[in-house]
C-alpha atoms as a PDB file:
ATOM      1  CA  MET A   1      67.106 191.226 183.227  1.00  0.00           C
ATOM      2  CA  GLU A   2      66.408 192.289 179.297  1.00  0.00           C
ATOM      3  CA  TYR A   3      64.719 195.573 178.407  1.00  0.00           C
ATOM      4  CA  LEU A   4      62.912 196.521 175.083  1.00  0.00           C
ATOM      5  CA  GLU A   5      63.291 200.483 174.121  1.00  0.00           C
ATOM      6  CA  LEU A   6      59.233 201.380 173.495  1.00  0.00           C
ATOM      7  CA  ASN A   7      58.681 204.051 170.386  1.00  0.00           C
ATOM      8  CA  ASN A   8      58.226 206.346 173.427  1.00  0.00           C
ATOM      9  CA  LYS A   9      61.487 205.597 174.637  1.00  0.00           C
ATOM     10  CA  MET A  10      59.933 203.277 177.619  1.00  0.00           C
ATOM     11  CA  LYS A  11      61.752 200.408 178.438  1.00  0.00           C
ATOM     12  CA  CYS A  12      59.977 197.188 178.913  1.00  0.00           C
ATOM     13  CA  PRO A  13      61.155 193.790 180.267  1.00  0.00           C
ATOM     14  CA  VAL A  14      61.202 190.962 178.147  1.00  0.00           C
ATOM     15  CA  VAL A  15      59.950 188.119 180.279  1.00  0.00           C
ATOM     16  CA  GLY A  16      56.885 188.676 182.687  1.00  0.00           C
ATOM     17  CA  ILE A  17      54.263 186.958 184.131  1.00  0.00           C
ATOM     18  CA  GLY A  18      50.645 185.945 182.976  1.00  0.00           C
ATOM     19  CA  THR A  19      47.351 185.760 184.724  1.00  0.00           C
ATOM     20  CA  TYR A  20      44.752 184.474 181.974  1.00  0.00           C
ATOM     21  CA  THR A  21      42.793 181.858 183.473  1.00  0.00           C
ATOM     22  CA  LEU A  22      44.090 182.409 187.226  1.00  0.00           C
ATOM     23  CA  SER A  23      41.332 182.536 189.557  1.00  0.00           C
ATOM     24  CA  PRO A  24      42.064 185.864 192.032  1.00  0.00           C
ATOM     25  CA  ALA A  25      43.764 183.292 195.101  1.00  0.00           C
ATOM     26  CA  ASP A  26      46.013 182.050 192.376  1.00  0.00           C
ATOM     27  CA  ALA A  27      47.104 185.747 190.451  1.00  0.00           C
ATOM     28  CA  GLU A  28      47.212 186.616 193.859  1.00  0.00           C
ATOM     29  CA  LYS A  29      50.274 184.224 194.947  1.00  0.00           C
ATOM     30  CA  SER A  30      51.768 184.256 191.382  1.00  0.00           C
ATOM     31  CA  VAL A  31      51.932 187.872 191.049  1.00  0.00           C
ATOM     32  CA  ARG A  32      53.548 187.817 194.562  1.00  0.00           C
ATOM     33  CA  GLU A  33      55.881 184.842 194.067  1.00  0.00           C
ATOM     34  CA  ALA A  34      57.250 186.102 190.832  1.00  0.00           C
ATOM     35  CA  LEU A  35      58.160 189.566 191.748  1.00  0.00           C
ATOM     36  CA  LYS A  36      59.731 188.180 194.563  1.00  0.00           C
ATOM     37  CA  MET A  37      62.109 186.069 192.565  1.00  0.00           C
ATOM     38  CA  GLY A  38      62.570 188.876 189.617  1.00  0.00           C
ATOM     39  CA  TYR A  39      59.768 189.357 187.586  1.00  0.00           C
ATOM     40  CA  SER A  40      59.158 193.119 187.111  1.00  0.00           C
ATOM     41  CA  LEU A  41      56.518 192.376 184.232  1.00  0.00           C
ATOM     42  CA  VAL A  42      52.720 191.564 185.394  1.00  0.00           C
ATOM     43  CA  ASP A  43      50.153 191.303 182.791  1.00  0.00           C
ATOM     44  CA  THR A  44      46.482 191.274 183.267  1.00  0.00           C
ATOM     45  CA  ALA A  45      42.549 192.607 182.480  1.00  0.00           C
ATOM     46  CA  ASN A  46      39.232 193.466 183.185  1.00  0.00           C
ATOM     47  CA  ALA A  47      38.290 190.555 181.561  1.00  0.00           C
ATOM     48  CA  TYR A  48      40.814 188.138 183.726  1.00  0.00           C
ATOM     49  CA  VAL A  49      38.675 189.492 186.822  1.00  0.00           C
ATOM     50  CA  ASN A  50      41.557 188.739 189.159  1.00  0.00           C
ATOM     51  CA  GLU A  51      42.254 192.526 188.968  1.00  0.00           C
ATOM     52  CA  ARG A  52      42.239 193.483 192.366  1.00  0.00           C
ATOM     53  CA  ALA A  53      43.771 190.218 193.794  1.00  0.00           C
ATOM     54  CA  VAL A  54      47.100 191.169 191.362  1.00  0.00           C
ATOM     55  CA  GLY A  55      47.228 194.352 192.991  1.00  0.00           C
ATOM     56  CA  ARG A  56      47.164 192.366 195.907  1.00  0.00           C
ATOM     57  CA  GLY A  57      50.090 190.743 194.844  1.00  0.00           C
ATOM     58  CA  ILE A  58      52.442 193.736 193.919  1.00  0.00           C
ATOM     59  CA  LYS A  59      51.580 194.923 197.417  1.00  0.00           C
ATOM     60  CA  ASP A  60      52.139 192.430 199.241  1.00  0.00           C
ATOM     61  CA  SER A  61      55.541 191.330 197.049  1.00  0.00           C
ATOM     62  CA  GLY A  62      57.025 194.192 198.680  1.00  0.00           C
ATOM     63  CA  ILE A  63      58.459 195.244 195.626  1.00  0.00           C
ATOM     64  CA  LYS A  64      58.264 199.134 194.804  1.00  0.00           C
ATOM     65  CA  ARG A  65      55.332 200.342 192.540  1.00  0.00           C
ATOM     66  CA  GLU A  66      57.558 202.102 190.346  1.00  0.00           C
ATOM     67  CA  ASP A  67      59.825 198.884 190.019  1.00  0.00           C
ATOM     68  CA  ILE A  68      57.094 197.232 188.507  1.00  0.00           C
ATOM     69  CA  PHE A  69      55.717 197.616 184.783  1.00  0.00           C
ATOM     70  CA  LEU A  70      52.051 197.042 184.950  1.00  0.00           C
ATOM     71  CA  SER A  71      49.947 195.857 182.238  1.00  0.00           C
ATOM     72  CA  THR A  72      45.707 195.582 181.846  1.00  0.00           C
ATOM     73  CA  LYS A  73      43.260 195.709 179.412  1.00  0.00           C
ATOM     74  CA  LEU A  74      39.807 197.468 179.162  1.00  0.00           C
ATOM     75  CA  TRP A  75      37.516 195.069 177.813  1.00  0.00           C
ATOM     76  CA  PRO A  76      34.711 196.264 175.018  1.00  0.00           C
ATOM     77  CA  SER A  77      32.278 196.958 177.524  1.00  0.00           C
ATOM     78  CA  GLU A  78      33.940 199.673 179.051  1.00  0.00           C
ATOM     79  CA  PHE A  79      35.106 201.303 175.735  1.00  0.00           C
ATOM     80  CA  GLU A  80      31.999 203.922 176.446  1.00  0.00           C
ATOM     81  CA  ASN A  81      32.382 203.944 180.103  1.00  0.00           C
ATOM     82  CA  ASN A  82      33.965 207.579 180.772  1.00  0.00           C
ATOM     83  CA  ASN A  83      35.010 206.003 184.332  1.00  0.00           C
ATOM     84  CA  ALA A  84      36.658 203.002 182.942  1.00  0.00           C
ATOM     85  CA  VAL A  85      40.543 203.828 182.948  1.00  0.00           C
ATOM     86  CA  ASP A  86      39.576 205.119 186.654  1.00  0.00           C
ATOM     87  CA  GLU A  87      37.865 202.235 187.837  1.00  0.00           C
ATOM     88  CA  THR A  88      40.351 199.987 186.635  1.00  0.00           C
ATOM     89  CA  LEU A  89      43.221 201.577 188.195  1.00  0.00           C
ATOM     90  CA  ALA A  90      40.864 201.641 191.626  1.00  0.00           C
ATOM     91  CA  ARG A  91      40.656 197.687 191.217  1.00  0.00           C
ATOM     92  CA  LEU A  92      44.681 197.725 190.729  1.00  0.00           C
ATOM     93  CA  GLY A  93      44.765 199.997 193.709  1.00  0.00           C
ATOM     94  CA  VAL A  94      47.703 202.047 191.504  1.00  0.00           C
ATOM     95  CA  ASP A  95      47.673 205.593 190.614  1.00  0.00           C
ATOM     96  CA  TYR A  96      49.223 204.521 186.800  1.00  0.00           C
ATOM     97  CA  VAL A  97      49.502 201.109 184.593  1.00  0.00           C
ATOM     98  CA  ASP A  98      52.683 200.732 182.533  1.00  0.00           C
ATOM     99  CA  LEU A  99      50.769 200.348 180.056  1.00  0.00           C
ATOM    100  CA  LEU A 100      46.980 199.667 179.095  1.00  0.00           C
ATOM    101  CA  TYR A 101      45.152 197.711 175.563  1.00  0.00           C
ATOM    102  CA  ILE A 102      41.791 197.590 174.605  1.00  0.00           C
ATOM    103  CA  HIS A 103      41.596 194.214 174.568  1.00  0.00           C
ATOM    104  CA  GLN A 104      39.896 193.292 171.229  1.00  0.00           C
ATOM    105  CA  PRO A 105      38.456 195.109 168.508  1.00  0.00           C
ATOM    106  CA  ALA A 106      34.794 194.698 169.330  1.00  0.00           C
ATOM    107  CA  GLY A 107      31.911 197.072 169.978  1.00  0.00           C
ATOM    108  CA  ASN A 108      33.141 200.795 170.080  1.00  0.00           C
ATOM    109  CA  TRP A 109      36.768 199.977 170.170  1.00  0.00           C
ATOM    110  CA  LEU A 110      37.428 203.471 168.442  1.00  0.00           C
ATOM    111  CA  ALA A 111      36.098 204.718 171.456  1.00  0.00           C
ATOM    112  CA  GLY A 112      38.132 202.561 173.802  1.00  0.00           C
ATOM    113  CA  TYR A 113      41.084 203.937 171.368  1.00  0.00           C
ATOM    114  CA  ARG A 114      40.342 207.535 172.491  1.00  0.00           C
ATOM    115  CA  GLN A 115      39.767 206.398 176.423  1.00  0.00           C
ATOM    116  CA  LEU A 116      44.143 205.394 175.979  1.00  0.00           C
ATOM    117  CA  GLU A 117      44.670 208.146 174.548  1.00  0.00           C
ATOM    118  CA  LYS A 118      43.246 209.911 177.035  1.00  0.00           C
ATOM    119  CA  ALA A 119      44.296 208.456 179.942  1.00  0.00           C
ATOM    120  CA  TYR A 120      47.968 207.983 178.094  1.00  0.00           C
ATOM    121  CA  LYS A 121      48.122 212.318 177.949  1.00  0.00           C
ATOM    122  CA  ALA A 122      46.848 212.128 181.505  1.00  0.00           C
ATOM    123  CA  GLY A 123      50.070 210.288 183.034  1.00  0.00           C
ATOM    124  CA  LYS A 124      47.020 207.530 183.662  1.00  0.00           C
ATOM    125  CA  ALA A 125      48.938 204.878 181.153  1.00  0.00           C
ATOM    126  CA  LYS A 126      52.311 205.543 180.330  1.00  0.00           C
ATOM    127  CA  SER A 127      51.956 203.150 177.447  1.00  0.00           C
ATOM    128  CA  ILE A 128      49.066 201.777 175.175  1.00  0.00           C
ATOM    129  CA  GLY A 129      48.276 198.935 173.295  1.00  0.00           C
ATOM    130  CA  ILE A 130      46.083 196.985 171.805  1.00  0.00           C
ATOM    131  CA  SER A 131      45.139 193.561 172.122  1.00  0.00           C
ATOM    132  CA  ASN A 132      44.252 191.202 168.711  1.00  0.00           C
ATOM    133  CA  PHE A 133      43.765 193.680 166.370  1.00  0.00           C
ATOM    134  CA  GLU A 134      45.404 192.261 163.519  1.00  0.00           C
ATOM    135  CA  GLY A 135      43.898 192.072 160.047  1.00  0.00           C
ATOM    136  CA  LYS A 136      41.975 194.944 158.566  1.00  0.00           C
ATOM    137  CA  TYR A 137      41.899 196.275 162.095  1.00  0.00           C
ATOM    138  CA  ILE A 138      45.317 197.772 162.415  1.00  0.00           C
ATOM    139  CA  ASP A 139      44.685 198.791 158.970  1.00  0.00           C
ATOM    140  CA  GLU A 140      41.690 200.689 159.815  1.00  0.00           C
ATOM    141  CA  LEU A 141      43.141 202.658 163.407  1.00  0.00           C
ATOM    142  CA  GLN A 142      46.701 202.901 162.044  1.00  0.00           C
ATOM    143  CA  HIS A 143      44.466 205.669 160.008  1.00  0.00           C
ATOM    144  CA  LYS A 144      42.458 206.771 163.131  1.00  0.00           C
ATOM    145  CA  TRP A 145      45.257 206.996 165.997  1.00  0.00           C
ATOM    146  CA  GLU A 146      46.579 210.250 167.164  1.00  0.00           C
ATOM    147  CA  ILE A 147      49.333 208.123 169.015  1.00  0.00           C
ATOM    148  CA  VAL A 148      50.653 205.710 168.010  1.00  0.00           C
ATOM    149  CA  PRO A 149      50.413 202.230 170.062  1.00  0.00           C
ATOM    150  CA  GLN A 150      53.946 201.411 172.003  1.00  0.00           C
ATOM    151  CA  PHE A 151      52.752 197.492 171.623  1.00  0.00           C
ATOM    152  CA  ILE A 152      50.010 195.066 170.551  1.00  0.00           C
ATOM    153  CA  GLN A 153      49.639 191.586 172.216  1.00  0.00           C
ATOM    154  CA  VAL A 154      48.631 188.622 169.603  1.00  0.00           C
ATOM    155  CA  GLU A 155      49.206 184.903 169.512  1.00  0.00           C
ATOM    156  CA  ALA A 156      52.418 184.012 168.439  1.00  0.00           C
ATOM    157  CA  HIS A 157      54.536 181.276 168.742  1.00  0.00           C
ATOM    158  CA  PRO A 158      57.022 179.237 166.304  1.00  0.00           C
ATOM    159  CA  TYR A 159      54.297 178.047 164.268  1.00  0.00           C
ATOM    160  CA  PHE A 160      53.092 181.332 163.815  1.00  0.00           C
ATOM    161  CA  THR A 161      55.422 184.099 163.817  1.00  0.00           C
ATOM    162  CA  GLN A 162      52.898 186.958 162.481  1.00  0.00           C
ATOM    163  CA  LYS A 163      54.666 187.280 159.606  1.00  0.00           C
ATOM    164  CA  GLU A 164      52.528 189.800 157.915  1.00  0.00           C
ATOM    165  CA  LEU A 165      51.521 191.933 160.922  1.00  0.00           C
ATOM    166  CA  ARG A 166      55.041 192.152 161.589  1.00  0.00           C
ATOM    167  CA  GLU A 167      55.669 194.214 158.560  1.00  0.00           C
ATOM    168  CA  THR A 168      53.351 196.459 159.738  1.00  0.00           C
ATOM    169  CA  LEU A 169      54.632 197.161 163.158  1.00  0.00           C
ATOM    170  CA  GLY A 170      57.666 197.435 161.739  1.00  0.00           C
ATOM    171  CA  LYS A 171      56.954 200.844 160.527  1.00  0.00           C
ATOM    172  CA  TYR A 172      55.670 202.156 163.765  1.00  0.00           C
ATOM    173  CA  ASP A 173      58.158 200.314 165.848  1.00  0.00           C
ATOM    174  CA  ILE A 174      55.347 198.676 167.450  1.00  0.00           C
ATOM    175  CA  LYS A 175      56.910 196.483 169.816  1.00  0.00           C
ATOM    176  CA  LEU A 176      54.394 192.452 170.279  1.00  0.00           C
ATOM    177  CA  MET A 177      53.924 190.497 172.925  1.00  0.00           C
ATOM    178  CA  SER A 178      52.389 186.979 173.015  1.00  0.00           C
ATOM    179  CA  TRP A 179      50.151 184.792 174.127  1.00  0.00           C
ATOM    180  CA  TYR A 180      49.875 180.184 173.651  1.00  0.00           C
ATOM    181  CA  PRO A 181      53.455 181.843 173.294  1.00  0.00           C
ATOM    182  CA  LEU A 182      53.806 177.761 174.079  1.00  0.00           C
ATOM    183  CA  GLY A 183      51.660 177.172 171.043  1.00  0.00           C
ATOM    184  CA  HIS A 184      49.054 176.494 173.833  1.00  0.00           C
ATOM    185  CA  GLY A 185      50.740 173.879 175.260  1.00  0.00           C
ATOM    186  CA  ASP A 186      50.748 171.828 172.009  1.00  0.00           C
ATOM    187  CA  LYS A 187      53.144 168.755 172.866  1.00  0.00           C
ATOM    188  CA  SER A 188      53.888 168.565 169.346  1.00  0.00           C
ATOM    189  CA  LEU A 189      55.208 172.064 168.855  1.00  0.00           C
ATOM    190  CA  ILE A 190      57.223 171.180 172.695  1.00  0.00           C
ATOM    191  CA  ASN A 191      58.747 168.312 171.801  1.00  0.00           C
ATOM    192  CA  GLU A 192      59.991 169.331 167.976  1.00  0.00           C
ATOM    193  CA  PRO A 193      63.325 167.662 167.603  1.00  0.00           C
ATOM    194  CA  VAL A 194      65.205 171.333 167.211  1.00  0.00           C
ATOM    195  CA  PHE A 195      63.508 172.001 170.690  1.00  0.00           C
ATOM    196  CA  VAL A 196      65.080 168.485 172.286  1.00  0.00           C
ATOM    197  CA  GLU A 197      68.420 169.184 170.709  1.00  0.00           C
ATOM    198  CA  LEU A 198      68.379 172.678 171.726  1.00  0.00           C
ATOM    199  CA  GLY A 199      67.536 171.922 175.308  1.00  0.00           C
ATOM    200  CA  LYS A 200      70.205 169.490 175.241  1.00  0.00           C
ATOM    201  CA  LYS A 201      72.863 171.707 174.352  1.00  0.00           C
ATOM    202  CA  TYR A 202      71.834 174.453 176.734  1.00  0.00           C
ATOM    203  CA  GLY A 203      71.354 172.199 179.695  1.00  0.00           C
ATOM    204  CA  LYS A 204      67.413 173.989 179.068  1.00  0.00           C
ATOM    205  CA  SER A 205      63.898 172.616 178.705  1.00  0.00           C
ATOM    206  CA  SER A 206      62.031 172.507 175.274  1.00  0.00           C
ATOM    207  CA  ALA A 207      59.849 175.296 177.303  1.00  0.00           C
ATOM    208  CA  GLN A 208      62.588 177.325 178.115  1.00  0.00           C
ATOM    209  CA  ILE A 209      63.911 177.440 174.790  1.00  0.00           C
ATOM    210  CA  ILE A 210      60.756 178.575 172.894  1.00  0.00           C
ATOM    211  CA  LEU A 211      60.715 181.458 175.713  1.00  0.00           C
ATOM    212  CA  ARG A 212      64.183 182.575 174.178  1.00  0.00           C
ATOM    213  CA  TRP A 213      63.031 182.484 171.387  1.00  0.00           C
ATOM    214  CA  HIS A 214      60.850 185.111 171.633  1.00  0.00           C
ATOM    215  CA  THR A 215      62.612 187.283 173.259  1.00  0.00           C
ATOM    216  CA  GLN A 216      65.279 186.918 170.187  1.00  0.00           C
ATOM    217  CA  MET A 217      62.692 187.721 167.680  1.00  0.00           C
ATOM    218  CA  GLY A 218      62.079 191.135 169.690  1.00  0.00           C
ATOM    219  CA  PHE A 219      59.078 189.802 171.194  1.00  0.00           C
ATOM    220  CA  VAL A 220      58.303 189.922 174.840  1.00  0.00           C
ATOM    221  CA  VAL A 221      56.408 186.695 176.459  1.00  0.00           C
ATOM    222  CA  ILE A 222      54.287 186.612 179.833  1.00  0.00           C
ATOM    223  CA  PRO A 223      53.364 183.002 180.479  1.00  0.00           C
ATOM    224  CA  GLY A 224      51.140 182.410 183.061  1.00  0.00           C
ATOM    225  CA  SER A 225      51.235 179.328 185.736  1.00  0.00           C
ATOM    226  CA  ARG A 226      49.907 179.059 189.214  1.00  0.00           C
ATOM    227  CA  ASN A 227      53.246 176.549 190.288  1.00  0.00           C
ATOM    228  CA  VAL A 228      55.886 178.106 191.528  1.00  0.00           C
ATOM    229  CA  ALA A 229      58.561 176.214 190.538  1.00  0.00           C
ATOM    230  CA  HIS A 230      56.697 176.633 186.699  1.00  0.00           C
ATOM    231  CA  ILE A 231      57.217 180.423 187.087  1.00  0.00           C
ATOM    232  CA  LYS A 232      60.855 180.276 188.269  1.00  0.00           C
ATOM    233  CA  ASP A 233      61.910 177.796 185.306  1.00  0.00           C
ATOM    234  CA  ASN A 234      59.821 180.403 182.840  1.00  0.00           C
ATOM    235  CA  LEU A 235      62.497 183.327 184.043  1.00  0.00           C
ATOM    236  CA  ASP A 236      65.547 181.181 183.894  1.00  0.00           C
ATOM    237  CA  ILE A 237      65.793 181.630 179.732  1.00  0.00           C
ATOM    238  CA  LEU A 238      68.450 184.767 180.211  1.00  0.00           C
ATOM    239  CA  ASP A 239      71.884 183.159 180.402  1.00  0.00           C
ATOM    240  CA  PHE A 240      71.995 181.887 177.387  1.00  0.00           C
ATOM    241  CA  LYS A 241      71.839 182.757 173.398  1.00  0.00           C
ATOM    242  CA  LEU A 242      70.361 181.709 170.305  1.00  0.00           C
ATOM    243  CA  THR A 243      72.769 181.528 167.599  1.00  0.00           C
ATOM    244  CA  ASP A 244      71.686 182.964 164.471  1.00  0.00           C
ATOM    245  CA  GLU A 245      71.380 179.555 162.528  1.00  0.00           C
ATOM    246  CA  GLU A 246      69.751 178.345 165.977  1.00  0.00           C
ATOM    247  CA  MET A 247      67.599 181.150 165.203  1.00  0.00           C
ATOM    248  CA  ARG A 248      67.170 179.823 161.291  1.00  0.00           C
ATOM    249  CA  LYS A 249      66.116 176.520 161.979  1.00  0.00           C
ATOM    250  CA  ILE A 250      63.325 177.225 164.279  1.00  0.00           C
ATOM    251  CA  ALA A 251      62.502 179.279 161.799  1.00  0.00           C
ATOM    252  CA  LYS A 252      61.210 176.749 159.272  1.00  0.00           C
ATOM    253  CA  LEU A 253      59.122 175.175 161.696  1.00  0.00           C
ATOM    254  CA  ASP A 254      56.654 178.335 160.607  1.00  0.00           C
ATOM    255  CA  LYS A 255      53.558 176.991 159.406  1.00  0.00           C
ATOM    256  CA  ASN A 256      51.219 180.494 159.638  1.00  0.00           C
ATOM    257  CA  THR A 257      48.897 178.264 162.075  1.00  0.00           C
ATOM    258  CA  ARG A 258      47.547 179.420 165.347  1.00  0.00           C
ATOM    259  CA  TYR A 259      45.764 177.329 167.505  1.00  0.00           C
ATOM    260  CA  TYR A 260      43.040 180.253 168.390  1.00  0.00           C
ATOM    261  CA  HIS A 261      40.517 181.327 165.607  1.00  0.00           C
ATOM    262  CA  ARG A 262      37.911 183.958 166.671  1.00  0.00           C
ATOM    263  CA  THR A 263      35.273 184.860 164.293  1.00  0.00           C
ATOM    264  CA  ASP A 264      32.728 187.464 164.013  1.00  0.00           C
ATOM    265  CA  GLU A 265      30.329 186.212 166.078  1.00  0.00           C
ATOM    266  CA  GLN A 266      32.385 185.850 169.638  1.00  0.00           C
ATOM    267  CA  LEU A 267      33.171 189.746 168.755  1.00  0.00           C
ATOM    268  CA  ILE A 268      29.556 190.787 168.853  1.00  0.00           C
ATOM    269  CA  GLN A 269      29.248 188.363 171.812  1.00  0.00           C
ATOM    270  CA  PHE A 270      32.377 190.282 173.533  1.00  0.00           C
ATOM    271  CA  ALA A 271      31.033 193.692 173.209  1.00  0.00           C
ATOM    272  CA  ALA A 272      27.869 192.256 174.850  1.00  0.00           C
ATOM    273  CA  TRP A 273      29.190 190.708 178.011  1.00  0.00           C
ATOM    274  CA  LYS A 274      30.518 192.209 181.112  1.00  0.00           C
ATOM    275  CA  PRO A 275      32.854 190.634 183.774  1.00  0.00           C
ATOM    276  CA  ALA A 276      31.654 190.495 187.443  1.00  0.00           C
ATOM    277  CA  TYR A 277      34.134 192.354 189.100  1.00  0.00           C
ATOM    278  CA  GLU A 278      35.433 191.115 192.331  1.00  0.00           C
ATOM    279  CA  HIS A 279      34.448 193.437 195.149  1.00  0.00           C
ATOM    280  CA  VAL A 280      36.715 193.014 197.477  1.00  0.00           C
END
């Protein structure tokens, strides 16, 4: 495994298993099998409503807790719940998480960030992050944080490399964790000639080339899957390295075009929605 060093000197694996859209049963299985095959980073969230299942998958894997980098996110409806962090840890069945995000810049998000800072000081979160805080939101937050976040989780892929955001991240050594790393499965991205060509050269699929591009960009990537074979393939990207020239070729694909366009109306809806957590 390869690792990134965070601005608080922690180390984070560059490849992890994501659990977005996975049912509890699928999340439990995917996490268990991923950890058994060598993954050590697991990402979930309050909003995915599978934290208990992720906790079961971790327990059933037989991998020691201290050998796992566990990431989750507080949903906006939890920002003003003073017990939100403890309840999240209870669902996961752990005493701490390695990375705790606030999920969206909705509702009283500053209260949510203060929860992260409190959890960090108490050792309940070993590192903290912001998810989907681009543009004006990170601009505002950087004047209000007491503790600089270690991570931001945002959409990123070869069509949308977050060039503007990365200028801000560089000032504080904040690392980027990619979602939609394969462009939401867009065939036009995956089948770009440069990826097909490089796939033939290195004996990899186009998707594996793209995931490797993420890690060489300095991003952490967390592709999710319920298919064990795909989970294995997504980890099999660290035995080759793209050249500087190949990275420059891929850079030419950047269109500054994203797949997900969040609206202000959605932020209002996010703040009002409450996840229906698993009870068992």
